[in-house]
PDB file of all heavy atoms in Angstrom:
ATOM      1  N   TYR A   1     112.061  72.354  39.462  1.00  0.00           N
ATOM      2  CA  TYR A   1     110.886  73.232  39.364  1.00  0.00           C
ATOM      3  C   TYR A   1     111.287  74.554  38.705  1.00  0.00           C
ATOM      4  O   TYR A   1     111.467  75.574  39.357  1.00  0.00           O
ATOM      5  CB  TYR A   1     110.327  73.483  40.763  1.00  0.00           C
ATOM      6  CG  TYR A   1     108.859  73.837  40.839  1.00  0.00           C
ATOM      7  CD1 TYR A   1     108.083  73.384  41.905  1.00  0.00           C
ATOM      8  CD2 TYR A   1     108.255  74.627  39.868  1.00  0.00           C
ATOM      9  CE1 TYR A   1     106.744  73.715  42.005  1.00  0.00           C
ATOM     10  CE2 TYR A   1     106.914  74.955  39.950  1.00  0.00           C
ATOM     11  CZ  TYR A   1     106.158  74.503  41.028  1.00  0.00           C
ATOM     12  OH  TYR A   1     104.835  74.832  41.115  1.00  0.00           O
ATOM     13  N   PRO A   2     111.395  74.585  37.370  1.00  0.00           N
ATOM     14  CA  PRO A   2     111.830  75.806  36.679  1.00  0.00           C
ATOM     15  C   PRO A   2     110.722  76.855  36.606  1.00  0.00           C
ATOM     16  O   PRO A   2     109.533  76.532  36.674  1.00  0.00           O
ATOM     17  CB  PRO A   2     112.195  75.299  35.288  1.00  0.00           C
ATOM     18  CG  PRO A   2     111.304  74.107  35.094  1.00  0.00           C
ATOM     19  CD  PRO A   2     111.172  73.461  36.447  1.00  0.00           C
ATOM     20  N   ALA A   3     111.151  78.112  36.428  1.00  0.00           N
ATOM     21  CA  ALA A   3     110.205  79.222  36.336  1.00  0.00           C
ATOM     22  C   ALA A   3     110.275  79.948  35.000  1.00  0.00           C
ATOM     23  O   ALA A   3     109.412  80.784  34.709  1.00  0.00           O
ATOM     24  CB  ALA A   3     110.466  80.214  37.469  1.00  0.00           C
ATOM     25  N   PHE A   4     111.297  79.644  34.183  1.00  0.00           N
ATOM     26  CA  PHE A   4     111.512  80.357  32.930  1.00  0.00           C
ATOM     27  C   PHE A   4     111.751  79.365  31.792  1.00  0.00           C
ATOM     28  O   PHE A   4     112.270  78.259  32.021  1.00  0.00           O
ATOM     29  CB  PHE A   4     112.716  81.301  33.052  1.00  0.00           C
ATOM     30  CG  PHE A   4     112.503  82.424  34.024  1.00  0.00           C
ATOM     31  CD1 PHE A   4     112.871  82.286  35.360  1.00  0.00           C
ATOM     32  CD2 PHE A   4     111.932  83.621  33.609  1.00  0.00           C
ATOM     33  CE1 PHE A   4     112.673  83.312  36.265  1.00  0.00           C
ATOM     34  CE2 PHE A   4     111.733  84.656  34.506  1.00  0.00           C
ATOM     35  CZ  PHE A   4     112.099  84.514  35.840  1.00  0.00           C
ATOM     36  N   PRO A   5     111.383  79.732  30.575  1.00  0.00           N
ATOM     37  CA  PRO A   5     111.582  78.827  29.430  1.00  0.00           C
ATOM     38  C   PRO A   5     113.020  78.354  29.268  1.00  0.00           C
ATOM     39  O   PRO A   5     113.259  77.173  28.987  1.00  0.00           O
ATOM     40  CB  PRO A   5     111.132  79.687  28.238  1.00  0.00           C
ATOM     41  CG  PRO A   5     110.142  80.636  28.818  1.00  0.00           C
ATOM     42  CD  PRO A   5     110.655  80.958  30.192  1.00  0.00           C
ATOM     43  N   TYR A   6     113.980  79.261  29.446  1.00  0.00           N
ATOM     44  CA  TYR A   6     115.393  78.895  29.286  1.00  0.00           C
ATOM     45  C   TYR A   6     115.776  77.783  30.260  1.00  0.00           C
ATOM     46  O   TYR A   6     116.409  76.789  29.878  1.00  0.00           O
ATOM     47  CB  TYR A   6     116.271  80.125  29.522  1.00  0.00           C
ATOM     48  CG  TYR A   6     117.755  79.824  29.596  1.00  0.00           C
ATOM     49  CD1 TYR A   6     118.511  79.650  28.443  1.00  0.00           C
ATOM     50  CD2 TYR A   6     118.402  79.711  30.837  1.00  0.00           C
ATOM     51  CE1 TYR A   6     119.872  79.380  28.510  1.00  0.00           C
ATOM     52  CE2 TYR A   6     119.758  79.442  30.914  1.00  0.00           C
ATOM     53  CZ  TYR A   6     120.484  79.272  29.756  1.00  0.00           C
ATOM     54  OH  TYR A   6     121.831  78.998  29.837  1.00  0.00           O
ATOM     55  N   ASP A   7     115.386  77.951  31.512  1.00  0.00           N
ATOM     56  CA  ASP A   7     115.700  76.942  32.518  1.00  0.00           C
ATOM     57  C   ASP A   7     114.951  75.639  32.248  1.00  0.00           C
ATOM     58  O   ASP A   7     115.505  74.548  32.406  1.00  0.00           O
ATOM     59  CB  ASP A   7     115.348  77.455  33.916  1.00  0.00           C
ATOM     60  CG  ASP A   7     116.205  78.634  34.337  1.00  0.00           C
ATOM     61  OD1 ASP A   7     117.333  78.746  33.832  1.00  0.00           O
ATOM     62  OD2 ASP A   7     115.738  79.432  35.164  1.00  0.00           O
ATOM     63  N   ALA A   8     113.689  75.755  31.855  1.00  0.00           N
ATOM     64  CA  ALA A   8     112.876  74.560  31.625  1.00  0.00           C
ATOM     65  C   ALA A   8     113.491  73.662  30.556  1.00  0.00           C
ATOM     66  O   ALA A   8     113.577  72.441  30.721  1.00  0.00           O
ATOM     67  CB  ALA A   8     111.458  74.959  31.241  1.00  0.00           C
ATOM     68  N   LYS A   9     113.938  74.278  29.471  1.00  0.00           N
ATOM     69  CA  LYS A   9     114.488  73.474  28.384  1.00  0.00           C
ATOM     70  C   LYS A   9     115.786  72.794  28.798  1.00  0.00           C
ATOM     71  O   LYS A   9     115.965  71.581  28.601  1.00  0.00           O
ATOM     72  CB  LYS A   9     114.731  74.348  27.150  1.00  0.00           C
ATOM     73  CG  LYS A   9     115.272  73.541  25.962  1.00  0.00           C
ATOM     74  CD  LYS A   9     115.395  74.369  24.689  1.00  0.00           C
ATOM     75  CE  LYS A   9     115.959  73.523  23.554  1.00  0.00           C
ATOM     76  NZ  LYS A   9     116.088  74.273  22.286  1.00  0.00           N
ATOM     77  N   GLY A  10     116.704  73.530  29.381  1.00  0.00           N
ATOM     78  CA  GLY A  10     117.997  72.947  29.759  1.00  0.00           C
ATOM     79  C   GLY A  10     117.900  71.954  30.880  1.00  0.00           C
ATOM     80  O   GLY A  10     118.582  70.921  30.884  1.00  0.00           O
ATOM     81  N   LEU A  11     117.039  72.235  31.866  1.00  0.00           N
ATOM     82  CA  LEU A  11     116.915  71.331  33.010  1.00  0.00           C
ATOM     83  C   LEU A  11     116.189  70.039  32.636  1.00  0.00           C
ATOM     84  O   LEU A  11     116.503  68.964  33.168  1.00  0.00           O
ATOM     85  CB  LEU A  11     116.189  72.028  34.161  1.00  0.00           C
ATOM     86  CG  LEU A  11     116.984  73.135  34.855  1.00  0.00           C
ATOM     87  CD1 LEU A  11     116.097  73.918  35.814  1.00  0.00           C
ATOM     88  CD2 LEU A  11     118.187  72.551  35.611  1.00  0.00           C
ATOM     89  N   LEU A  12     115.213  70.112  31.713  1.00  0.00           N
ATOM     90  CA  LEU A  12     114.538  68.884  31.285  1.00  0.00           C
ATOM     91  C   LEU A  12     115.505  67.975  30.535  1.00  0.00           C
ATOM     92  O   LEU A  12     115.490  66.746  30.708  1.00  0.00           O
ATOM     93  CB  LEU A  12     113.328  69.214  30.415  1.00  0.00           C
ATOM     94  CG  LEU A  12     112.520  68.008  29.918  1.00  0.00           C
ATOM     95  CD1 LEU A  12     112.055  67.126  31.073  1.00  0.00           C
ATOM     96  CD2 LEU A  12     111.327  68.461  29.080  1.00  0.00           C
ATOM     97  N   ALA A  13     116.378  68.564  29.728  1.00  0.00           N
ATOM     98  CA  ALA A  13     117.390  67.753  29.041  1.00  0.00           C
ATOM     99  C   ALA A  13     118.288  67.049  30.040  1.00  0.00           C
ATOM    100  O   ALA A  13     118.607  65.855  29.889  1.00  0.00           O
ATOM    101  CB  ALA A  13     118.226  68.640  28.116  1.00  0.00           C
ATOM    102  N   THR A  14     118.677  67.751  31.092  1.00  0.00           N
ATOM    103  CA  THR A  14     119.511  67.137  32.135  1.00  0.00           C
ATOM    104  C   THR A  14     118.748  66.061  32.881  1.00  0.00           C
ATOM    105  O   THR A  14     119.300  64.995  33.205  1.00  0.00           O
ATOM    106  CB  THR A  14     120.002  68.214  33.117  1.00  0.00           C
ATOM    107  OG1 THR A  14     120.776  69.180  32.408  1.00  0.00           O
ATOM    108  CG2 THR A  14     120.857  67.605  34.220  1.00  0.00           C
ATOM    109  N   ALA A  15     117.469  66.317  33.165  1.00  0.00           N
ATOM    110  CA  ALA A  15     116.649  65.327  33.869  1.00  0.00           C
ATOM    111  C   ALA A  15     116.586  64.020  33.102  1.00  0.00           C
ATOM    112  O   ALA A  15     116.661  62.930  33.679  1.00  0.00           O
ATOM    113  CB  ALA A  15     115.251  65.886  34.097  1.00  0.00           C
ATOM    114  N   ILE A  16     116.470  64.109  31.781  1.00  0.00           N
ATOM    115  CA  ILE A  16     116.395  62.903  30.956  1.00  0.00           C
ATOM    116  C   ILE A  16     117.746  62.211  30.883  1.00  0.00           C
ATOM    117  O   ILE A  16     117.834  60.976  30.845  1.00  0.00           O
ATOM    118  CB  ILE A  16     115.851  63.262  29.559  1.00  0.00           C
ATOM    119  CG1 ILE A  16     114.388  63.692  29.683  1.00  0.00           C
ATOM    120  CG2 ILE A  16     115.995  62.094  28.593  1.00  0.00           C
ATOM    121  CD1 ILE A  16     113.806  64.306  28.429  1.00  0.00           C
ATOM    122  N   ASN A  17     118.823  62.974  30.914  1.00  0.00           N
ATOM    123  CA  ASN A  17     120.162  62.375  30.912  1.00  0.00           C
ATOM    124  C   ASN A  17     120.479  61.698  32.244  1.00  0.00           C
ATOM    125  O   ASN A  17     121.208  60.698  32.284  1.00  0.00           O
ATOM    126  CB  ASN A  17     121.225  63.439  30.640  1.00  0.00           C
ATOM    127  CG  ASN A  17     121.175  63.966  29.216  1.00  0.00           C
ATOM    128  OD1 ASN A  17     120.650  63.311  28.324  1.00  0.00           O
ATOM    129  ND2 ASN A  17     121.707  65.159  29.007  1.00  0.00           N
ATOM    130  N   ASP A  18     119.960  62.244  33.323  1.00  0.00           N
ATOM    131  CA  ASP A  18     120.245  61.741  34.664  1.00  0.00           C
ATOM    132  C   ASP A  18     119.657  60.336  34.823  1.00  0.00           C
ATOM    133  O   ASP A  18     118.480  60.120  34.516  1.00  0.00           O
ATOM    134  CB  ASP A  18     119.638  62.688  35.706  1.00  0.00           C
ATOM    135  CG  ASP A  18     120.170  62.457  37.110  1.00  0.00           C
ATOM    136  OD1 ASP A  18     120.295  61.281  37.524  1.00  0.00           O
ATOM    137  OD2 ASP A  18     120.454  63.442  37.806  1.00  0.00           O
ATOM    138  N   PRO A  19     120.437  59.363  35.295  1.00  0.00           N
ATOM    139  CA  PRO A  19     119.922  57.996  35.422  1.00  0.00           C
ATOM    140  C   PRO A  19     119.053  57.769  36.655  1.00  0.00           C
ATOM    141  O   PRO A  19     118.653  56.644  36.934  1.00  0.00           O
ATOM    142  CB  PRO A  19     121.207  57.162  35.514  1.00  0.00           C
ATOM    143  CG  PRO A  19     122.191  58.075  36.178  1.00  0.00           C
ATOM    144  CD  PRO A  19     121.878  59.450  35.652  1.00  0.00           C
ATOM    145  N   ASN A  20     118.767  58.831  37.400  1.00  0.00           N
ATOM    146  CA  ASN A  20     117.976  58.725  38.624  1.00  0.00           C
ATOM    147  C   ASN A  20     116.568  59.271  38.409  1.00  0.00           C
ATOM    148  O   ASN A  20     116.316  60.013  37.463  1.00  0.00           O
ATOM    149  CB  ASN A  20     118.673  59.500  39.744  1.00  0.00           C
ATOM    150  CG  ASN A  20     120.036  58.924  40.072  1.00  0.00           C
ATOM    151  OD1 ASN A  20     120.146  57.864  40.668  1.00  0.00           O
ATOM    152  ND2 ASN A  20     121.101  59.615  39.643  1.00  0.00           N
ATOM    153  N   PRO A  21     115.628  58.916  39.297  1.00  0.00           N
ATOM    154  CA  PRO A  21     114.249  59.396  39.141  1.00  0.00           C
ATOM    155  C   PRO A  21     114.142  60.888  39.415  1.00  0.00           C
ATOM    156  O   PRO A  21     114.618  61.381  40.432  1.00  0.00           O
ATOM    157  CB  PRO A  21     113.467  58.582  40.176  1.00  0.00           C
ATOM    158  CG  PRO A  21     114.473  58.157  41.201  1.00  0.00           C
ATOM    159  CD  PRO A  21     115.767  57.996  40.455  1.00  0.00           C
ATOM    160  N   VAL A  22     113.505  61.591  38.495  1.00  0.00           N
ATOM    161  CA  VAL A  22     113.361  63.049  38.587  1.00  0.00           C
ATOM    162  C   VAL A  22     111.884  63.408  38.456  1.00  0.00           C
ATOM    163  O   VAL A  22     111.215  62.977  37.516  1.00  0.00           O
ATOM    164  CB  VAL A  22     114.163  63.764  37.482  1.00  0.00           C
ATOM    165  CG1 VAL A  22     113.983  65.284  37.603  1.00  0.00           C
ATOM    166  CG2 VAL A  22     115.640  63.398  37.550  1.00  0.00           C
ATOM    167  N   LEU A  23     111.396  64.205  39.397  1.00  0.00           N
ATOM    168  CA  LEU A  23     110.066  64.794  39.269  1.00  0.00           C
ATOM    169  C   LEU A  23     110.241  66.206  38.742  1.00  0.00           C
ATOM    170  O   LEU A  23     110.881  67.044  39.382  1.00  0.00           O
ATOM    171  CB  LEU A  23     109.335  64.790  40.609  1.00  0.00           C
ATOM    172  CG  LEU A  23     108.840  63.394  41.013  1.00  0.00           C
ATOM    173  CD1 LEU A  23     109.849  62.701  41.906  1.00  0.00           C
ATOM    174  CD2 LEU A  23     107.490  63.464  41.687  1.00  0.00           C
ATOM    175  N   PHE A  24     109.688  66.459  37.561  1.00  0.00           N
ATOM    176  CA  PHE A  24     109.910  67.714  36.849  1.00  0.00           C
ATOM    177  C   PHE A  24     108.605  68.508  36.862  1.00  0.00           C
ATOM    178  O   PHE A  24     107.672  68.217  36.108  1.00  0.00           O
ATOM    179  CB  PHE A  24     110.364  67.427  35.418  1.00  0.00           C
ATOM    180  CG  PHE A  24     110.959  68.610  34.720  1.00  0.00           C
ATOM    181  CD1 PHE A  24     112.312  68.875  34.802  1.00  0.00           C
ATOM    182  CD2 PHE A  24     110.155  69.478  33.978  1.00  0.00           C
ATOM    183  CE1 PHE A  24     112.883  69.963  34.155  1.00  0.00           C
ATOM    184  CE2 PHE A  24     110.703  70.567  33.335  1.00  0.00           C
ATOM    185  CZ  PHE A  24     112.067  70.819  33.426  1.00  0.00           C
ATOM    186  N   PHE A  25     108.543  69.511  37.740  1.00  0.00           N
ATOM    187  CA  PHE A  25     107.328  70.298  37.908  1.00  0.00           C
ATOM    188  C   PHE A  25     107.278  71.431  36.885  1.00  0.00           C
ATOM    189  O   PHE A  25     108.246  72.164  36.701  1.00  0.00           O
ATOM    190  CB  PHE A  25     107.263  70.860  39.329  1.00  0.00           C
ATOM    191  CG  PHE A  25     106.891  69.824  40.348  1.00  0.00           C
ATOM    192  CD1 PHE A  25     107.851  68.982  40.891  1.00  0.00           C
ATOM    193  CD2 PHE A  25     105.573  69.674  40.750  1.00  0.00           C
ATOM    194  CE1 PHE A  25     107.508  68.017  41.822  1.00  0.00           C
ATOM    195  CE2 PHE A  25     105.216  68.714  41.680  1.00  0.00           C
ATOM    196  CZ  PHE A  25     106.184  67.875  42.216  1.00  0.00           C
ATOM    197  N   GLU A  26     106.108  71.541  36.222  1.00  0.00           N
ATOM    198  CA  GLU A  26     105.886  72.558  35.205  1.00  0.00           C
ATOM    199  C   GLU A  26     104.602  73.311  35.551  1.00  0.00           C
ATOM    200  O   GLU A  26     103.512  72.729  35.531  1.00  0.00           O
ATOM    201  CB  GLU A  26     105.734  71.907  33.821  1.00  0.00           C
ATOM    202  CG  GLU A  26     106.866  70.970  33.451  1.00  0.00           C
ATOM    203  CD  GLU A  26     106.515  70.046  32.295  1.00  0.00           C
ATOM    204  OE1 GLU A  26     105.463  70.263  31.630  1.00  0.00           O
ATOM    205  OE2 GLU A  26     107.265  69.083  32.059  1.00  0.00           O
ATOM    206  N   HIS A  27     104.738  74.583  35.896  1.00  0.00           N
ATOM    207  CA  HIS A  27     103.553  75.328  36.319  1.00  0.00           C
ATOM    208  C   HIS A  27     102.678  75.651  35.113  1.00  0.00           C
ATOM    209  O   HIS A  27     103.103  76.311  34.172  1.00  0.00           O
ATOM    210  CB  HIS A  27     103.956  76.607  37.048  1.00  0.00           C
ATOM    211  CG  HIS A  27     102.865  77.141  37.931  1.00  0.00           C
ATOM    212  ND1 HIS A  27     101.719  77.704  37.429  1.00  0.00           N
ATOM    213  CD2 HIS A  27     102.746  77.168  39.289  1.00  0.00           C
ATOM    214  CE1 HIS A  27     100.940  78.069  38.432  1.00  0.00           C
ATOM    215  NE2 HIS A  27     101.542  77.758  39.565  1.00  0.00           N
ATOM    216  N   LYS A  28     101.426  75.210  35.182  1.00  0.00           N
ATOM    217  CA  LYS A  28     100.505  75.374  34.049  1.00  0.00           C
ATOM    218  C   LYS A  28     100.268  76.843  33.692  1.00  0.00           C
ATOM    219  O   LYS A  28     100.117  77.194  32.529  1.00  0.00           O
ATOM    220  CB  LYS A  28      99.162  74.705  34.366  1.00  0.00           C
ATOM    221  CG  LYS A  28      99.251  73.237  34.752  1.00  0.00           C
ATOM    222  CD  LYS A  28      97.879  72.619  34.918  1.00  0.00           C
ATOM    223  CE  LYS A  28      97.068  73.255  36.032  1.00  0.00           C
ATOM    224  NZ  LYS A  28      97.658  72.997  37.372  1.00  0.00           N
ATOM    225  N   ALA A  29     100.234  77.692  34.715  1.00  0.00           N
ATOM    226  CA  ALA A  29      99.961  79.111  34.460  1.00  0.00           C
ATOM    227  C   ALA A  29     101.103  79.789  33.707  1.00  0.00           C
ATOM    228  O   ALA A  29     100.918  80.864  33.125  1.00  0.00           O
ATOM    229  CB  ALA A  29      99.705  79.845  35.778  1.00  0.00           C
ATOM    230  N   LEU A  30     102.274  79.160  33.704  1.00  0.00           N
ATOM    231  CA  LEU A  30     103.421  79.725  32.995  1.00  0.00           C
ATOM    232  C   LEU A  30     103.488  79.263  31.547  1.00  0.00           C
ATOM    233  O   LEU A  30     104.189  79.866  30.725  1.00  0.00           O
ATOM    234  CB  LEU A  30     104.730  79.338  33.699  1.00  0.00           C
ATOM    235  CG  LEU A  30     104.893  79.763  35.154  1.00  0.00           C
ATOM    236  CD1 LEU A  30     106.257  79.310  35.680  1.00  0.00           C
ATOM    237  CD2 LEU A  30     104.738  81.271  35.302  1.00  0.00           C
ATOM    238  N   TYR A  31     102.791  78.173  31.221  1.00  0.00           N
ATOM    239  CA  TYR A  31     102.931  77.550  29.911  1.00  0.00           C
ATOM    240  C   TYR A  31     102.834  78.555  28.760  1.00  0.00           C
ATOM    241  O   TYR A  31     103.672  78.576  27.851  1.00  0.00           O
ATOM    242  CB  TYR A  31     101.862  76.470  29.714  1.00  0.00           C
ATOM    243  CG  TYR A  31     102.232  75.098  30.230  1.00  0.00           C
ATOM    244  CD1 TYR A  31     101.244  74.199  30.603  1.00  0.00           C
ATOM    245  CD2 TYR A  31     103.561  74.679  30.308  1.00  0.00           C
ATOM    246  CE1 TYR A  31     101.556  72.924  31.052  1.00  0.00           C
ATOM    247  CE2 TYR A  31     103.889  73.409  30.758  1.00  0.00           C
ATOM    248  CZ  TYR A  31     102.885  72.539  31.130  1.00  0.00           C
ATOM    249  OH  TYR A  31     103.194  71.277  31.580  1.00  0.00           O
ATOM    250  N   ARG A  32     101.803  79.379  28.781  1.00  0.00           N
ATOM    251  CA  ARG A  32     101.558  80.287  27.647  1.00  0.00           C
ATOM    252  C   ARG A  32     101.588  81.760  28.039  1.00  0.00           C
ATOM    253  O   ARG A  32     101.200  82.628  27.243  1.00  0.00           O
ATOM    254  CB  ARG A  32     100.222  79.920  26.982  1.00  0.00           C
ATOM    255  CG  ARG A  32     100.302  78.598  26.239  1.00  0.00           C
ATOM    256  CD  ARG A  32      98.961  78.081  25.771  1.00  0.00           C
ATOM    257  NE  ARG A  32      99.138  76.927  24.883  1.00  0.00           N
ATOM    258  CZ  ARG A  32      99.370  75.682  25.303  1.00  0.00           C
ATOM    259  NH1 ARG A  32      99.438  75.426  26.598  1.00  0.00           N
ATOM    260  NH2 ARG A  32      99.543  74.695  24.434  1.00  0.00           N
ATOM    261  N   SER A  33     102.076  82.035  29.265  1.00  0.00           N
ATOM    262  CA  SER A  33     102.122  83.428  29.721  1.00  0.00           C
ATOM    263  C   SER A  33     103.537  83.982  29.798  1.00  0.00           C
ATOM    264  O   SER A  33     103.723  85.200  29.842  1.00  0.00           O
ATOM    265  CB  SER A  33     101.469  83.543  31.106  1.00  0.00           C
ATOM    266  OG  SER A  33     102.224  82.819  32.077  1.00  0.00           O
ATOM    267  N   ILE A  34     104.546  83.125  29.799  1.00  0.00           N
ATOM    268  CA  ILE A  34     105.934  83.554  29.949  1.00  0.00           C
ATOM    269  C   ILE A  34     106.703  83.243  28.667  1.00  0.00           C
ATOM    270  O   ILE A  34     106.661  82.110  28.161  1.00  0.00           O
ATOM    271  CB  ILE A  34     106.606  82.848  31.150  1.00  0.00           C
ATOM    272  CG1 ILE A  34     105.869  83.184  32.452  1.00  0.00           C
ATOM    273  CG2 ILE A  34     108.073  83.235  31.252  1.00  0.00           C
ATOM    274  CD1 ILE A  34     105.921  84.652  32.818  1.00  0.00           C
ATOM    275  N   ARG A  35     107.389  84.224  28.153  1.00  0.00           N
ATOM    276  CA  ARG A  35     108.230  84.053  26.970  1.00  0.00           C
ATOM    277  C   ARG A  35     109.656  84.472  27.314  1.00  0.00           C
ATOM    278  O   ARG A  35     109.892  85.263  28.222  1.00  0.00           O
ATOM    279  CB  ARG A  35     107.719  84.882  25.801  1.00  0.00           C
ATOM    280  CG  ARG A  35     106.285  84.601  25.388  1.00  0.00           C
ATOM    281  CD  ARG A  35     105.920  85.403  24.154  1.00  0.00           C
ATOM    282  NE  ARG A  35     106.572  84.863  22.963  1.00  0.00           N
ATOM    283  CZ  ARG A  35     106.008  84.018  22.111  1.00  0.00           C
ATOM    284  NH1 ARG A  35     104.772  83.606  22.305  1.00  0.00           N
ATOM    285  NH2 ARG A  35     106.673  83.589  21.052  1.00  0.00           N
ATOM    286  N   GLN A  36     110.591  83.931  26.531  1.00  0.00           N
ATOM    287  CA  GLN A  36     112.000  84.255  26.779  1.00  0.00           C
ATOM    288  C   GLN A  36     112.827  83.855  25.559  1.00  0.00           C
ATOM    289  O   GLN A  36     112.442  82.963  24.790  1.00  0.00           O
ATOM    290  CB  GLN A  36     112.495  83.497  28.028  1.00  0.00           C
ATOM    291  CG  GLN A  36     113.810  83.962  28.594  1.00  0.00           C
ATOM    292  CD  GLN A  36     114.189  83.163  29.847  1.00  0.00           C
ATOM    293  OE1 GLN A  36     113.818  81.999  30.007  1.00  0.00           O
ATOM    294  NE2 GLN A  36     114.922  83.799  30.746  1.00  0.00           N
ATOM    295  N   GLU A  37     113.957  84.516  25.386  1.00  0.00           N
ATOM    296  CA  GLU A  37     114.906  84.082  24.369  1.00  0.00           C
ATOM    297  C   GLU A  37     115.559  82.779  24.828  1.00  0.00           C
ATOM    298  O   GLU A  37     116.166  82.720  25.898  1.00  0.00           O
ATOM    299  CB  GLU A  37     115.983  85.148  24.143  1.00  0.00           C
ATOM    300  CG  GLU A  37     115.498  86.372  23.397  1.00  0.00           C
ATOM    301  CD  GLU A  37     115.123  86.058  21.944  1.00  0.00           C
ATOM    302  OE1 GLU A  37     115.842  85.255  21.317  1.00  0.00           O
ATOM    303  OE2 GLU A  37     114.107  86.610  21.467  1.00  0.00           O
ATOM    304  N   VAL A  38     115.413  81.745  24.011  1.00  0.00           N
ATOM    305  CA  VAL A  38     115.899  80.410  24.374  1.00  0.00           C
ATOM    306  C   VAL A  38     116.720  79.862  23.208  1.00  0.00           C
ATOM    307  O   VAL A  38     116.291  79.958  22.051  1.00  0.00           O
ATOM    308  CB  VAL A  38     114.717  79.464  24.686  1.00  0.00           C
ATOM    309  CG1 VAL A  38     115.201  78.037  24.922  1.00  0.00           C
ATOM    310  CG2 VAL A  38     113.935  79.964  25.892  1.00  0.00           C
ATOM    311  N   PRO A  39     117.893  79.275  23.491  1.00  0.00           N
ATOM    312  CA  PRO A  39     118.684  78.658  22.410  1.00  0.00           C
ATOM    313  C   PRO A  39     117.855  77.621  21.650  1.00  0.00           C
ATOM    314  O   PRO A  39     117.130  76.829  22.260  1.00  0.00           O
ATOM    315  CB  PRO A  39     119.854  78.015  23.153  1.00  0.00           C
ATOM    316  CG  PRO A  39     119.990  78.824  24.408  1.00  0.00           C
ATOM    317  CD  PRO A  39     118.596  79.205  24.790  1.00  0.00           C
ATOM    318  N   THR A  40     117.983  77.635  20.347  1.00  0.00           N
ATOM    319  CA  THR A  40     117.202  76.689  19.543  1.00  0.00           C
ATOM    320  C   THR A  40     117.802  75.288  19.551  1.00  0.00           C
ATOM    321  O   THR A  40     117.084  74.297  19.398  1.00  0.00           O
ATOM    322  CB  THR A  40     117.103  77.177  18.088  1.00  0.00           C
ATOM    323  OG1 THR A  40     118.436  77.380  17.582  1.00  0.00           O
ATOM    324  CG2 THR A  40     116.334  78.482  18.016  1.00  0.00           C
ATOM    325  N   ASP A  41     119.112  75.185  19.738  1.00  0.00           N
ATOM    326  CA  ASP A  41     119.758  73.876  19.763  1.00  0.00           C
ATOM    327  C   ASP A  41     119.667  73.245  21.156  1.00  0.00           C
ATOM    328  O   ASP A  41     119.328  73.893  22.139  1.00  0.00           O
ATOM    329  CB  ASP A  41     121.229  74.005  19.340  1.00  0.00           C
ATOM    330  CG  ASP A  41     121.387  74.360  17.869  1.00  0.00           C
ATOM    331  OD1 ASP A  41     120.473  74.017  17.086  1.00  0.00           O
ATOM    332  OD2 ASP A  41     122.405  74.985  17.517  1.00  0.00           O
ATOM    333  N   TYR A  42     120.011  71.982  21.208  1.00  0.00           N
ATOM    334  CA  TYR A  42     120.004  71.214  22.455  1.00  0.00           C
ATOM    335  C   TYR A  42     121.074  71.736  23.416  1.00  0.00           C
ATOM    336  O   TYR A  42     122.201  72.019  23.017  1.00  0.00           O
ATOM    337  CB  TYR A  42     120.273  69.742  22.129  1.00  0.00           C
ATOM    338  CG  TYR A  42     120.334  68.806  23.308  1.00  0.00           C
ATOM    339  CD1 TYR A  42     119.194  68.161  23.767  1.00  0.00           C
ATOM    340  CD2 TYR A  42     121.539  68.541  23.946  1.00  0.00           C
ATOM    341  CE1 TYR A  42     119.246  67.277  24.839  1.00  0.00           C
ATOM    342  CE2 TYR A  42     121.605  67.673  25.013  1.00  0.00           C
ATOM    343  CZ  TYR A  42     120.460  67.038  25.459  1.00  0.00           C
ATOM    344  OH  TYR A  42     120.530  66.169  26.520  1.00  0.00           O
ATOM    345  N   TYR A  43     120.714  71.894  24.679  1.00  0.00           N
ATOM    346  CA  TYR A  43     121.692  72.279  25.700  1.00  0.00           C
ATOM    347  C   TYR A  43     121.234  71.742  27.051  1.00  0.00           C
ATOM    348  O   TYR A  43     120.076  71.328  27.217  1.00  0.00           O
ATOM    349  CB  TYR A  43     121.874  73.803  25.764  1.00  0.00           C
ATOM    350  CG  TYR A  43     120.636  74.566  26.206  1.00  0.00           C
ATOM    351  CD1 TYR A  43     120.447  74.933  27.537  1.00  0.00           C
ATOM    352  CD2 TYR A  43     119.650  74.921  25.280  1.00  0.00           C
ATOM    353  CE1 TYR A  43     119.315  75.631  27.931  1.00  0.00           C
ATOM    354  CE2 TYR A  43     118.532  75.610  25.668  1.00  0.00           C
ATOM    355  CZ  TYR A  43     118.349  75.961  27.000  1.00  0.00           C
ATOM    356  OH  TYR A  43     117.233  76.646  27.394  1.00  0.00           O
ATOM    357  N   THR A  44     122.140  71.745  28.019  1.00  0.00           N
ATOM    358  CA  THR A  44     121.824  71.253  29.357  1.00  0.00           C
ATOM    359  C   THR A  44     122.154  72.322  30.394  1.00  0.00           C
ATOM    360  O   THR A  44     122.970  73.221  30.156  1.00  0.00           O
ATOM    361  CB  THR A  44     122.625  69.984  29.689  1.00  0.00           C
ATOM    362  OG1 THR A  44     124.026  70.284  29.636  1.00  0.00           O
ATOM    363  CG2 THR A  44     122.304  68.852  28.725  1.00  0.00           C
TER     364      THR A  44
END
C-alpha cells in the first residue's frame, strides 16, 4: 500500500517479480494529486 510515486513504481515492479499473490493497493485520491521525483529507469 504505497503513498508516494517513488514507492509505487519500485514496489509494483517487485510485486510483479514476486512469485506469490500480491494485493497492490493504489489510493485513487493520490493518482493525480501527488507528484515526486522518480527514476525514469526500471528499479525495485
